[in-house]
Amino acid sequence: MPEEDLIELKFRLYDGSDIGPFRYSPTATVAMLKERIVAEWPKDKKIAPKVANDIKLINAGKILENIKTVGECKTPFGELPKGVITMHVVVQPTIAKPKTEKKVIETPTKTGCSCTIL
């Protein structure tokens, strides 16, 4: 693929630091970008994704879907010269649902209730 067809992306993390820039083919999927981000994630960060699904990528105010390609996500910049596109990275770790034990339903004790109208 010609060098000029590649799209240059960098990823802005929650603390303002960046990963990248990297060059991607317009046919690369968002899922591929997320895998790369997980692989390149700085080790010194408190919050870190464990898998690609822990990451949400935002470009031009839209959350990008995994099945979309980079070419589909790239917003038209009109007359701007080619440059690095910054995508924002949000980490939302998947929370494992605790296994719920079956609760034994106890029969409620009936309390006597009475109303008096005067």
PDB file of N, CA and C in Angstrom:
ATOM      1  N   MET A   1       0.846  -1.165   0.000  1.00  0.00           N
ATOM      2  CA  MET A   1       0.000   0.000   0.000  1.00  0.00           C
ATOM      3  C   MET A   1       0.898   1.237   0.000  1.00  0.00           C
ATOM      4  N   PRO A   2       0.595   2.230  -0.843  1.00  0.00           N
ATOM      5  CA  PRO A   2       1.421   3.436  -0.874  1.00  0.00           C
ATOM      6  C   PRO A   2       1.432   4.134   0.478  1.00  0.00           C
ATOM      7  N   GLU A   3       2.560   4.688   0.805  1.00  0.00           N
ATOM      8  CA  GLU A   3       2.760   5.351   2.096  1.00  0.00           C
ATOM      9  C   GLU A   3       1.744   6.480   2.296  1.00  0.00           C
ATOM     10  N   GLU A   4       1.354   7.176   1.225  1.00  0.00           N
ATOM     11  CA  GLU A   4       0.453   8.313   1.380  1.00  0.00           C
ATOM     12  C   GLU A   4      -0.978   7.897   1.711  1.00  0.00           C
ATOM     13  N   ASP A   5      -1.354   6.640   1.483  1.00  0.00           N
ATOM     14  CA  ASP A   5      -2.703   6.175   1.805  1.00  0.00           C
ATOM     15  C   ASP A   5      -2.869   5.835   3.282  1.00  0.00           C
ATOM     16  N   LEU A   6      -1.774   5.685   4.009  1.00  0.00           N
ATOM     17  CA  LEU A   6      -1.859   5.334   5.419  1.00  0.00           C
ATOM     18  C   LEU A   6      -2.362   6.527   6.231  1.00  0.00           C
ATOM     19  N   ILE A   7      -3.118   6.213   7.284  1.00  0.00           N
ATOM     20  CA  ILE A   7      -3.676   7.244   8.155  1.00  0.00           C
ATOM     21  C   ILE A   7      -2.890   7.224   9.461  1.00  0.00           C
ATOM     22  N   GLU A   8      -2.434   8.390   9.883  1.00  0.00           N
ATOM     23  CA  GLU A   8      -1.621   8.478  11.089  1.00  0.00           C
ATOM     24  C   GLU A   8      -2.515   8.829  12.277  1.00  0.00           C
ATOM     25  N   LEU A   9      -2.476   7.973  13.306  1.00  0.00           N
ATOM     26  CA  LEU A   9      -3.326   8.137  14.482  1.00  0.00           C
ATOM     27  C   LEU A   9      -2.482   8.155  15.748  1.00  0.00           C
ATOM     28  N   LYS A  10      -2.939   8.929  16.724  1.00  0.00           N
ATOM     29  CA  LYS A  10      -2.388   8.826  18.074  1.00  0.00           C
ATOM     30  C   LYS A  10      -3.573   8.748  19.023  1.00  0.00           C
ATOM     31  N   PHE A  11      -3.320   8.206  20.193  1.00  0.00           N
ATOM     32  CA  PHE A  11      -4.391   7.917  21.132  1.00  0.00           C
ATOM     33  C   PHE A  11      -4.142   8.680  22.429  1.00  0.00           C
ATOM     34  N   ARG A  12      -5.073   9.541  22.797  1.00  0.00           N
ATOM     35  CA  ARG A  12      -4.954  10.363  24.001  1.00  0.00           C
ATOM     36  C   ARG A  12      -5.576   9.620  25.176  1.00  0.00           C
ATOM     37  N   LEU A  13      -4.778   9.434  26.226  1.00  0.00           N
ATOM     38  CA  LEU A  13      -5.226   8.709  27.407  1.00  0.00           C
ATOM     39  C   LEU A  13      -5.895   9.655  28.394  1.00  0.00           C
ATOM     40  N   TYR A  14      -6.470   9.094  29.444  1.00  0.00           N
ATOM     41  CA  TYR A  14      -7.240   9.850  30.433  1.00  0.00           C
ATOM     42  C   TYR A  14      -6.440  10.936  31.139  1.00  0.00           C
ATOM     43  N   ASP A  15      -5.121  10.756  31.236  1.00  0.00           N
ATOM     44  CA  ASP A  15      -4.298  11.733  31.946  1.00  0.00           C
ATOM     45  C   ASP A  15      -3.637  12.750  31.014  1.00  0.00           C
ATOM     46  N   GLY A  16      -3.994  12.711  29.735  1.00  0.00           N
ATOM     47  CA  GLY A  16      -3.447  13.665  28.767  1.00  0.00           C
ATOM     48  C   GLY A  16      -2.221  13.171  28.030  1.00  0.00           C
ATOM     49  N   SER A  17      -1.666  12.029  28.425  1.00  0.00           N
ATOM     50  CA  SER A  17      -0.514  11.483  27.706  1.00  0.00           C
ATOM     51  C   SER A  17      -1.003  10.770  26.446  1.00  0.00           C
ATOM     52  N   ASP A  18      -0.085  10.507  25.541  1.00  0.00           N
ATOM     53  CA  ASP A  18      -0.437   9.913  24.246  1.00  0.00           C
ATOM     54  C   ASP A  18       0.267   8.591  24.018  1.00  0.00           C
ATOM     55  N   ILE A  19      -0.379   7.741  23.238  1.00  0.00           N
ATOM     56  CA  ILE A  19       0.242   6.542  22.687  1.00  0.00           C
ATOM     57  C   ILE A  19       0.299   6.776  21.186  1.00  0.00           C
ATOM     58  N   GLY A  20       1.472   6.611  20.621  1.00  0.00           N
ATOM     59  CA  GLY A  20       1.594   6.805  19.172  1.00  0.00           C
ATOM     60  C   GLY A  20       2.385   8.049  18.879  1.00  0.00           C
ATOM     61  N   PRO A  21       2.349   8.498  17.652  1.00  0.00           N
ATOM     62  CA  PRO A  21       1.456   8.136  16.546  1.00  0.00           C
ATOM     63  C   PRO A  21       1.890   6.858  15.818  1.00  0.00           C
ATOM     64  N   PHE A  22       0.888   6.195  15.247  1.00  0.00           N
ATOM     65  CA  PHE A  22       1.079   5.000  14.434  1.00  0.00           C
ATOM     66  C   PHE A  22       0.378   5.214  13.103  1.00  0.00           C
ATOM     67  N   ARG A  23       0.877   4.503  12.085  1.00  0.00           N
ATOM     68  CA  ARG A  23       0.253   4.582  10.758  1.00  0.00           C
ATOM     69  C   ARG A  23      -0.574   3.324  10.519  1.00  0.00           C
ATOM     70  N   TYR A  24      -1.797   3.537  10.050  1.00  0.00           N
ATOM     71  CA  TYR A  24      -2.717   2.428   9.812  1.00  0.00           C
ATOM     72  C   TYR A  24      -3.292   2.502   8.404  1.00  0.00           C
ATOM     73  N   SER A  25      -3.591   1.343   7.883  1.00  0.00           N
ATOM     74  CA  SER A  25      -4.292   1.241   6.613  1.00  0.00           C
ATOM     75  C   SER A  25      -5.745   1.665   6.836  1.00  0.00           C
ATOM     76  N   PRO A  26      -6.384   2.279   5.849  1.00  0.00           N
ATOM     77  CA  PRO A  26      -7.798   2.639   5.995  1.00  0.00           C
ATOM     78  C   PRO A  26      -8.707   1.422   6.191  1.00  0.00           C
ATOM     79  N   THR A  27      -8.204   0.222   5.875  1.00  0.00           N
ATOM     80  CA  THR A  27      -9.015  -0.989   6.039  1.00  0.00           C
ATOM     81  C   THR A  27      -8.855  -1.627   7.425  1.00  0.00           C
ATOM     82  N   ALA A  28      -7.981  -1.089   8.270  1.00  0.00           N
ATOM     83  CA  ALA A  28      -7.807  -1.612   9.630  1.00  0.00           C
ATOM     84  C   ALA A  28      -9.071  -1.331  10.435  1.00  0.00           C
ATOM     85  N   THR A  29      -9.479  -2.285  11.263  1.00  0.00           N
ATOM     86  CA  THR A  29     -10.704  -2.110  12.045  1.00  0.00           C
ATOM     87  C   THR A  29     -10.407  -1.463  13.394  1.00  0.00           C
ATOM     88  N   VAL A  30     -11.456  -0.939  13.999  1.00  0.00           N
ATOM     89  CA  VAL A  30     -11.337  -0.333  15.323  1.00  0.00           C
ATOM     90  C   VAL A  30     -10.884  -1.393  16.334  1.00  0.00           C
ATOM     91  N   ALA A  31     -11.349  -2.626  16.168  1.00  0.00           N
ATOM     92  CA  ALA A  31     -10.921  -3.713  17.062  1.00  0.00           C
ATOM     93  C   ALA A  31      -9.405  -3.908  16.990  1.00  0.00           C
ATOM     94  N   MET A  32      -8.826  -3.780  15.807  1.00  0.00           N
ATOM     95  CA  MET A  32      -7.372  -3.905  15.651  1.00  0.00           C
ATOM     96  C   MET A  32      -6.656  -2.759  16.375  1.00  0.00           C
ATOM     97  N   LEU A  33      -7.234  -1.556  16.314  1.00  0.00           N
ATOM     98  CA  LEU A  33      -6.644  -0.409  17.012  1.00  0.00           C
ATOM     99  C   LEU A  33      -6.644  -0.654  18.521  1.00  0.00           C
ATOM    100  N   LYS A  34      -7.749  -1.180  19.018  1.00  0.00           N
ATOM    101  CA  LYS A  34      -7.861  -1.442  20.456  1.00  0.00           C
ATOM    102  C   LYS A  34      -6.842  -2.477  20.912  1.00  0.00           C
ATOM    103  N   GLU A  35      -6.620  -3.501  20.103  1.00  0.00           N
ATOM    104  CA  GLU A  35      -5.613  -4.519  20.443  1.00  0.00           C
ATOM    105  C   GLU A  35      -4.224  -3.880  20.541  1.00  0.00           C
ATOM    106  N   ARG A  36      -3.936  -2.992  19.615  1.00  0.00           N
ATOM    107  CA  ARG A  36      -2.642  -2.305  19.627  1.00  0.00           C
ATOM    108  C   ARG A  36      -2.500  -1.423  20.858  1.00  0.00           C
ATOM    109  N   ILE A  37      -3.580  -0.745  21.237  1.00  0.00           N
ATOM    110  CA  ILE A  37      -3.548   0.120  22.418  1.00  0.00           C
ATOM    111  C   ILE A  37      -3.269  -0.699  23.671  1.00  0.00           C
ATOM    112  N   VAL A  38      -3.930  -1.855  23.801  1.00  0.00           N
ATOM    113  CA  VAL A  38      -3.697  -2.722  24.962  1.00  0.00           C
ATOM    114  C   VAL A  38      -2.239  -3.162  24.994  1.00  0.00           C
ATOM    115  N   ALA A  39      -1.679  -3.507  23.836  1.00  0.00           N
ATOM    116  CA  ALA A  39      -0.289  -3.952  23.761  1.00  0.00           C
ATOM    117  C   ALA A  39       0.700  -2.823  24.093  1.00  0.00           C
ATOM    118  N   GLU A  40       0.367  -1.609  23.713  1.00  0.00           N
ATOM    119  CA  GLU A  40       1.277  -0.473  23.894  1.00  0.00           C
ATOM    120  C   GLU A  40       1.010   0.320  25.173  1.00  0.00           C
ATOM    121  N   TRP A  41       0.035  -0.088  25.967  1.00  0.00           N
ATOM    122  CA  TRP A  41      -0.368   0.675  27.154  1.00  0.00           C
ATOM    123  C   TRP A  41       0.809   0.837  28.114  1.00  0.00           C
ATOM    124  N   PRO A  42       1.066   2.061  28.596  1.00  0.00           N
ATOM    125  CA  PRO A  42       2.178   2.284  29.528  1.00  0.00           C
ATOM    126  C   PRO A  42       1.988   1.491  30.818  1.00  0.00           C
ATOM    127  N   LYS A  43       3.050   0.872  31.278  1.00  0.00           N
ATOM    128  CA  LYS A  43       2.986   0.006  32.462  1.00  0.00           C
ATOM    129  C   LYS A  43       2.823   0.785  33.763  1.00  0.00           C
ATOM    130  N   ASP A  44       3.168   2.076  33.763  1.00  0.00           N
ATOM    131  CA  ASP A  44       3.136   2.854  34.996  1.00  0.00           C
ATOM    132  C   ASP A  44       1.773   3.485  35.298  1.00  0.00           C
ATOM    133  N   LYS A  45       0.764   3.238  34.492  1.00  0.00           N
ATOM    134  CA  LYS A  45      -0.563   3.832  34.704  1.00  0.00           C
ATOM    135  C   LYS A  45      -1.351   3.040  35.744  1.00  0.00           C
ATOM    136  N   LYS A  46      -2.105   3.759  36.582  1.00  0.00           N
ATOM    137  CA  LYS A  46      -2.928   3.104  37.600  1.00  0.00           C
ATOM    138  C   LYS A  46      -4.062   2.315  36.948  1.00  0.00           C
ATOM    139  N   ILE A  47      -4.731   2.959  36.019  1.00  0.00           N
ATOM    140  CA  ILE A  47      -5.858   2.331  35.334  1.00  0.00           C
ATOM    141  C   ILE A  47      -5.344   1.763  34.021  1.00  0.00           C
ATOM    142  N   ALA A  48      -5.532   0.468  33.823  1.00  0.00           N
ATOM    143  CA  ALA A  48      -5.044  -0.180  32.602  1.00  0.00           C
ATOM    144  C   ALA A  48      -6.080  -1.185  32.111  1.00  0.00           C
ATOM    145  N   PRO A  49      -6.292  -1.236  30.800  1.00  0.00           N
ATOM    146  CA  PRO A  49      -7.225  -2.223  30.255  1.00  0.00           C
ATOM    147  C   PRO A  49      -6.588  -3.604  30.235  1.00  0.00           C
ATOM    148  N   LYS A  50      -7.378  -4.629  30.506  1.00  0.00           N
ATOM    149  CA  LYS A  50      -6.874  -5.997  30.439  1.00  0.00           C
ATOM    150  C   LYS A  50      -7.113  -6.594  29.065  1.00  0.00           C
ATOM    151  N   VAL A  51      -8.234  -6.233  28.455  1.00  0.00           N
ATOM    152  CA  VAL A  51      -8.585  -6.718  27.114  1.00  0.00           C
ATOM    153  C   VAL A  51      -9.091  -5.544  26.283  1.00  0.00           C
ATOM    154  N   ALA A  52      -9.185  -5.765  24.982  1.00  0.00           N
ATOM    155  CA  ALA A  52      -9.595  -4.700  24.069  1.00  0.00           C
ATOM    156  C   ALA A  52     -11.014  -4.204  24.350  1.00  0.00           C
ATOM    157  N   ASN A  53     -11.876  -5.070  24.864  1.00  0.00           N
ATOM    158  CA  ASN A  53     -13.252  -4.645  25.146  1.00  0.00           C
ATOM    159  C   ASN A  53     -13.354  -3.697  26.335  1.00  0.00           C
ATOM    160  N   ASP A  54     -12.274  -3.521  27.084  1.00  0.00           N
ATOM    161  CA  ASP A  54     -12.250  -2.561  28.187  1.00  0.00           C
ATOM    162  C   ASP A  54     -12.072  -1.131  27.673  1.00  0.00           C
ATOM    163  N   ILE A  55     -11.811  -0.979  26.382  1.00  0.00           N
ATOM    164  CA  ILE A  55     -11.494   0.326  25.806  1.00  0.00           C
ATOM    165  C   ILE A  55     -12.633   0.811  24.921  1.00  0.00           C
ATOM    166  N   LYS A  56     -12.891   2.118  25.020  1.00  0.00           N
ATOM    167  CA  LYS A  56     -13.786   2.779  24.076  1.00  0.00           C
ATOM    168  C   LYS A  56     -12.959   3.860  23.396  1.00  0.00           C
ATOM    169  N   LEU A  57     -13.034   3.908  22.069  1.00  0.00           N
ATOM    170  CA  LEU A  57     -12.335   4.943  21.298  1.00  0.00           C
ATOM    171  C   LEU A  57     -13.344   6.001  20.866  1.00  0.00           C
ATOM    172  N   ILE A  58     -12.963   7.254  21.039  1.00  0.00           N
ATOM    173  CA  ILE A  58     -13.835   8.358  20.674  1.00  0.00           C
ATOM    174  C   ILE A  58     -13.112   9.221  19.652  1.00  0.00           C
ATOM    175  N   ASN A  59     -13.806   9.486  18.549  1.00  0.00           N
ATOM    176  CA  ASN A  59     -13.269  10.358  17.503  1.00  0.00           C
ATOM    177  C   ASN A  59     -14.390  11.279  17.056  1.00  0.00           C
ATOM    178  N   ALA A  60     -14.126  12.567  17.061  1.00  0.00           N
ATOM    179  CA  ALA A  60     -15.099  13.585  16.651  1.00  0.00           C
ATOM    180  C   ALA A  60     -16.393  13.459  17.447  1.00  0.00           C
ATOM    181  N   GLY A  61     -16.275  13.130  18.742  1.00  0.00           N
ATOM    182  CA  GLY A  61     -17.428  13.061  19.612  1.00  0.00           C
ATOM    183  C   GLY A  61     -18.257  11.799  19.490  1.00  0.00           C
ATOM    184  N   LYS A  62     -17.799  10.832  18.731  1.00  0.00           N
ATOM    185  CA  LYS A  62     -18.551   9.592  18.541  1.00  0.00           C
ATOM    186  C   LYS A  62     -17.748   8.402  19.049  1.00  0.00           C
ATOM    187  N   ILE A  63     -18.441   7.481  19.741  1.00  0.00           N
ATOM    188  CA  ILE A  63     -17.813   6.238  20.168  1.00  0.00           C
ATOM    189  C   ILE A  63     -17.749   5.325  18.962  1.00  0.00           C
ATOM    190  N   LEU A  64     -16.559   4.818  18.672  1.00  0.00           N
ATOM    191  CA  LEU A  64     -16.351   4.016  17.463  1.00  0.00           C
ATOM    192  C   LEU A  64     -16.700   2.546  17.719  1.00  0.00           C
ATOM    193  N   GLU A  65     -17.362   1.948  16.751  1.00  0.00           N
ATOM    194  CA  GLU A  65     -17.745   0.536  16.841  1.00  0.00           C
ATOM    195  C   GLU A  65     -16.592  -0.337  16.361  1.00  0.00           C
ATOM    196  N   ASN A  66     -16.454  -1.517  16.978  1.00  0.00           N
ATOM    197  CA  ASN A  66     -15.357  -2.434  16.663  1.00  0.00           C
ATOM    198  C   ASN A  66     -15.322  -2.858  15.206  1.00  0.00           C
ATOM    199  N   ILE A  67     -16.474  -2.972  14.553  1.00  0.00           N
ATOM    200  CA  ILE A  67     -16.515  -3.491  13.188  1.00  0.00           C
ATOM    201  C   ILE A  67     -16.209  -2.427  12.133  1.00  0.00           C
ATOM    202  N   LYS A  68     -16.181  -1.161  12.530  1.00  0.00           N
ATOM    203  CA  LYS A  68     -15.891  -0.087  11.577  1.00  0.00           C
ATOM    204  C   LYS A  68     -14.409  -0.076  11.223  1.00  0.00           C
ATOM    205  N   THR A  69     -14.113   0.393  10.023  1.00  0.00           N
ATOM    206  CA  THR A  69     -12.715   0.533   9.611  1.00  0.00           C
ATOM    207  C   THR A  69     -12.238   1.953   9.902  1.00  0.00           C
ATOM    208  N   VAL A  70     -10.935   2.126   9.893  1.00  0.00           N
ATOM    209  CA  VAL A  70     -10.347   3.443  10.130  1.00  0.00           C
ATOM    210  C   VAL A  70     -10.825   4.424   9.057  1.00  0.00           C
ATOM    211  N   GLY A  71     -10.917   3.955   7.837  1.00  0.00           N
ATOM    212  CA  GLY A  71     -11.391   4.801   6.742  1.00  0.00           C
ATOM    213  C   GLY A  71     -12.811   5.283   6.960  1.00  0.00           C
ATOM    214  N   GLU A  72     -13.651   4.454   7.547  1.00  0.00           N
ATOM    215  CA  GLU A  72     -15.034   4.841   7.818  1.00  0.00           C
ATOM    216  C   GLU A  72     -15.145   5.804   8.991  1.00  0.00           C
ATOM    217  N   CYS A  73     -14.209   5.730   9.913  1.00  0.00           N
ATOM    218  CA  CYS A  73     -14.254   6.561  11.118  1.00  0.00           C
ATOM    219  C   CYS A  73     -13.617   7.923  10.922  1.00  0.00           C
ATOM    220  N   LYS A  74     -12.787   8.032   9.911  1.00  0.00           N
ATOM    221  CA  LYS A  74     -12.072   9.283   9.675  1.00  0.00           C
ATOM    222  C   LYS A  74     -13.075  10.351   9.256  1.00  0.00           C
ATOM    223  N   THR A  75     -13.082  11.449   9.983  1.00  0.00           N
ATOM    224  CA  THR A  75     -14.001  12.527   9.638  1.00  0.00           C
ATOM    225  C   THR A  75     -13.369  13.388   8.553  1.00  0.00           C
ATOM    226  N   PRO A  76     -14.166  13.916   7.667  1.00  0.00           N
ATOM    227  CA  PRO A  76     -13.600  14.790   6.630  1.00  0.00           C
ATOM    228  C   PRO A  76     -13.138  16.109   7.258  1.00  0.00           C
ATOM    229  N   PHE A  77     -11.903  16.443   7.006  1.00  0.00           N
ATOM    230  CA  PHE A  77     -11.338  17.661   7.575  1.00  0.00           C
ATOM    231  C   PHE A  77     -11.274  18.805   6.569  1.00  0.00           C
ATOM    232  N   GLY A  78     -11.917  18.636   5.448  1.00  0.00           N
ATOM    233  CA  GLY A  78     -11.970  19.712   4.471  1.00  0.00           C
ATOM    234  C   GLY A  78     -10.598  20.054   3.923  1.00  0.00           C
ATOM    235  N   GLU A  79     -10.207  21.279   4.090  1.00  0.00           N
ATOM    236  CA  GLU A  79      -8.963  21.777   3.516  1.00  0.00           C
ATOM    237  C   GLU A  79      -7.754  21.610   4.417  1.00  0.00           C
ATOM    238  N   LEU A  80      -7.929  20.978   5.558  1.00  0.00           N
ATOM    239  CA  LEU A  80      -6.788  20.808   6.455  1.00  0.00           C
ATOM    240  C   LEU A  80      -5.748  19.891   5.828  1.00  0.00           C
ATOM    241  N   PRO A  81      -4.478  20.210   5.989  1.00  0.00           N
ATOM    242  CA  PRO A  81      -3.445  19.313   5.466  1.00  0.00           C
ATOM    243  C   PRO A  81      -3.456  18.006   6.239  1.00  0.00           C
ATOM    244  N   LYS A  82      -2.913  16.968   5.606  1.00  0.00           N
ATOM    245  CA  LYS A  82      -2.859  15.677   6.288  1.00  0.00           C
ATOM    246  C   LYS A  82      -2.017  15.813   7.537  1.00  0.00           C
ATOM    247  N   GLY A  83      -2.536  15.239   8.599  1.00  0.00           N
ATOM    248  CA  GLY A  83      -1.823  15.306   9.865  1.00  0.00           C
ATOM    249  C   GLY A  83      -2.210  14.125  10.724  1.00  0.00           C
ATOM    250  N   VAL A  84      -1.811  14.182  11.964  1.00  0.00           N
ATOM    251  CA  VAL A  84      -2.099  13.109  12.903  1.00  0.00           C
ATOM    252  C   VAL A  84      -3.512  13.316  13.451  1.00  0.00           C
ATOM    253  N   ILE A  85      -4.302  12.266  13.435  1.00  0.00           N
ATOM    254  CA  ILE A  85      -5.650  12.310  13.999  1.00  0.00           C
ATOM    255  C   ILE A  85      -5.560  11.784  15.429  1.00  0.00           C
ATOM    256  N   THR A  86      -6.110  12.546  16.368  1.00  0.00           N
ATOM    257  CA  THR A  86      -6.100  12.140  17.767  1.00  0.00           C
ATOM    258  C   THR A  86      -7.435  11.508  18.117  1.00  0.00           C
ATOM    259  N   MET A  87      -7.371  10.296  18.661  1.00  0.00           N
ATOM    260  CA  MET A  87      -8.565   9.615  19.159  1.00  0.00           C
ATOM    261  C   MET A  87      -8.429   9.515  20.666  1.00  0.00           C
ATOM    262  N   HIS A  88      -9.521   9.739  21.352  1.00  0.00           N
ATOM    263  CA  HIS A  88      -9.510   9.676  22.818  1.00  0.00           C
ATOM    264  C   HIS A  88      -9.832   8.260  23.275  1.00  0.00           C
ATOM    265  N   VAL A  89      -9.126   7.836  24.320  1.00  0.00           N
ATOM    266  CA  VAL A  89      -9.270   6.480  24.852  1.00  0.00           C
ATOM    267  C   VAL A  89      -9.926   6.555  26.227  1.00  0.00           C
ATOM    268  N   VAL A  90     -11.019   5.816  26.391  1.00  0.00           N
ATOM    269  CA  VAL A  90     -11.696   5.713  27.677  1.00  0.00           C
ATOM    270  C   VAL A  90     -11.600   4.259  28.111  1.00  0.00           C
ATOM    271  N   VAL A  91     -11.155   4.051  29.354  1.00  0.00           N
ATOM    272  CA  VAL A  91     -11.043   2.695  29.880  1.00  0.00           C
ATOM    273  C   VAL A  91     -12.234   2.435  30.788  1.00  0.00           C
ATOM    274  N   GLN A  92     -12.996   1.412  30.438  1.00  0.00           N
ATOM    275  CA  GLN A  92     -14.123   0.973  31.260  1.00  0.00           C
ATOM    276  C   GLN A  92     -13.987  -0.523  31.464  1.00  0.00           C
ATOM    277  N   PRO A  93     -13.277  -0.913  32.510  1.00  0.00           N
ATOM    278  CA  PRO A  93     -13.079  -2.346  32.737  1.00  0.00           C
ATOM    279  C   PRO A  93     -14.414  -3.059  32.917  1.00  0.00           C
ATOM    280  N   THR A  94     -14.503  -4.228  32.332  1.00  0.00           N
ATOM    281  CA  THR A  94     -15.715  -5.013  32.501  1.00  0.00           C
ATOM    282  C   THR A  94     -15.727  -5.560  33.914  1.00  0.00           C
ATOM    283  N   ILE A  95     -16.838  -5.401  34.575  1.00  0.00           N
ATOM    284  CA  ILE A  95     -16.967  -5.853  35.949  1.00  0.00           C
ATOM    285  C   ILE A  95     -17.584  -7.242  35.927  1.00  0.00           C
ATOM    286  N   ALA A  96     -16.867  -8.160  36.529  1.00  0.00           N
ATOM    287  CA  ALA A  96     -17.371  -9.531  36.589  1.00  0.00           C
ATOM    288  C   ALA A  96     -18.553  -9.561  37.540  1.00  0.00           C
ATOM    289  N   LYS A  97     -19.643 -10.117  37.053  1.00  0.00           N
ATOM    290  CA  LYS A  97     -20.834 -10.200  37.888  1.00  0.00           C
ATOM    291  C   LYS A  97     -20.633 -11.306  38.913  1.00  0.00           C
ATOM    292  N   PRO A  98     -20.820 -10.967  40.169  1.00  0.00           N
ATOM    293  CA  PRO A  98     -20.640 -12.007  41.187  1.00  0.00           C
ATOM    294  C   PRO A  98     -21.740 -13.056  41.053  1.00  0.00           C
ATOM    295  N   LYS A  99     -21.347 -14.280  41.314  1.00  0.00           N
ATOM    296  CA  LYS A  99     -22.323 -15.359  41.249  1.00  0.00           C
ATOM    297  C   LYS A  99     -23.266 -15.207  42.430  1.00  0.00           C
ATOM    298  N   THR A 100     -24.523 -15.108  42.103  1.00  0.00           N
ATOM    299  CA  THR A 100     -25.503 -14.944  43.166  1.00  0.00           C
ATOM    300  C   THR A 100     -25.974 -16.307  43.639  1.00  0.00           C
ATOM    301  N   GLU A 101     -26.013 -16.430  44.926  1.00  0.00           N
ATOM    302  CA  GLU A 101     -26.499 -17.672  45.500  1.00  0.00           C
ATOM    303  C   GLU A 101     -28.013 -17.599  45.555  1.00  0.00           C
ATOM    304  N   LYS A 102     -28.628 -18.733  45.406  1.00  0.00           N
ATOM    305  CA  LYS A 102     -30.079 -18.758  45.493  1.00  0.00           C
ATOM    306  C   LYS A 102     -30.474 -18.442  46.930  1.00  0.00           C
ATOM    307  N   LYS A 103     -31.296 -17.445  47.051  1.00  0.00           N
ATOM    308  CA  LYS A 103     -31.740 -17.056  48.373  1.00  0.00           C
ATOM    309  C   LYS A 103     -32.974 -17.876  48.738  1.00  0.00           C
ATOM    310  N   VAL A 104     -32.983 -18.312  49.946  1.00  0.00           N
ATOM    311  CA  VAL A 104     -34.132 -19.059  50.439  1.00  0.00           C
ATOM    312  C   VAL A 104     -35.183 -18.042  50.844  1.00  0.00           C
ATOM    313  N   ILE A 105     -36.332 -18.159  50.230  1.00  0.00           N
ATOM    314  CA  ILE A 105     -37.405 -17.219  50.532  1.00  0.00           C
ATOM    315  C   ILE A 105     -38.118 -17.703  51.788  1.00  0.00           C
ATOM    316  N   GLU A 106     -38.022 -16.897  52.779  1.00  0.00           N
ATOM    317  CA  GLU A 106     -38.674 -17.236  54.029  1.00  0.00           C
ATOM    318  C   GLU A 106     -40.101 -16.720  53.980  1.00  0.00           C
ATOM    319  N   THR A 107     -40.991 -17.465  54.574  1.00  0.00           N
ATOM    320  CA  THR A 107     -42.375 -17.010  54.602  1.00  0.00           C
ATOM    321  C   THR A 107     -42.457 -15.813  55.534  1.00  0.00           C
ATOM    322  N   PRO A 108     -43.005 -14.743  55.054  1.00  0.00           N
ATOM    323  CA  PRO A 108     -43.051 -13.543  55.889  1.00  0.00           C
ATOM    324  C   PRO A 108     -43.975 -13.765  57.074  1.00  0.00           C
ATOM    325  N   THR A 109     -43.561 -13.270  58.203  1.00  0.00           N
ATOM    326  CA  THR A 109     -44.398 -13.378  59.386  1.00  0.00           C
ATOM    327  C   THR A 109     -45.487 -12.339  59.287  1.00  0.00           C
ATOM    328  N   LYS A 110     -46.685 -12.755  59.574  1.00  0.00           N
ATOM    329  CA  LYS A 110     -47.822 -11.843  59.476  1.00  0.00           C
ATOM    330  C   LYS A 110     -47.915 -11.048  60.770  1.00  0.00           C
ATOM    331  N   THR A 111     -47.934  -9.766  60.594  1.00  0.00           N
ATOM    332  CA  THR A 111     -48.094  -8.908  61.753  1.00  0.00           C
ATOM    333  C   THR A 111     -49.515  -8.406  61.770  1.00  0.00           C
ATOM    334  N   GLY A 112     -50.046  -8.313  62.918  1.00  0.00           N
ATOM    335  CA  GLY A 112     -51.421  -7.822  63.037  1.00  0.00           C
ATOM    336  C   GLY A 112     -51.437  -6.318  62.865  1.00  0.00           C
ATOM    337  N   CYS A 113     -52.302  -5.870  62.024  1.00  0.00           N
ATOM    338  CA  CYS A 113     -52.400  -4.455  61.756  1.00  0.00           C
ATOM    339  C   CYS A 113     -53.881  -4.076  61.871  1.00  0.00           C
ATOM    340  N   SER A 114     -54.138  -3.013  62.524  1.00  0.00           N
ATOM    341  CA  SER A 114     -55.532  -2.597  62.629  1.00  0.00           C
ATOM    342  C   SER A 114     -55.623  -1.086  62.516  1.00  0.00           C
ATOM    343  N   CYS A 115     -56.694  -0.642  61.965  1.00  0.00           N
ATOM    344  CA  CYS A 115     -56.940   0.793  61.806  1.00  0.00           C
ATOM    345  C   CYS A 115     -58.183   1.144  62.614  1.00  0.00           C
ATOM    346  N   THR A 116     -58.147   2.265  63.259  1.00  0.00           N
ATOM    347  CA  THR A 116     -59.298   2.724  64.019  1.00  0.00           C
ATOM    348  C   THR A 116     -59.686   4.081  63.476  1.00  0.00           C
ATOM    349  N   ILE A 117     -60.940   4.199  63.056  1.00  0.00           N
ATOM    350  CA  ILE A 117     -61.417   5.486  62.531  1.00  0.00           C
ATOM    351  C   ILE A 117     -62.299   6.102  63.598  1.00  0.00           C
ATOM    352  N   LEU A 118     -61.984   7.301  64.012  1.00  0.00           N
ATOM    353  CA  LEU A 118     -62.748   7.998  65.047  1.00  0.00           C
ATOM    354  C   LEU A 118     -63.679   9.004  64.469  1.00  0.00           C
TER     355      LEU A 118
END
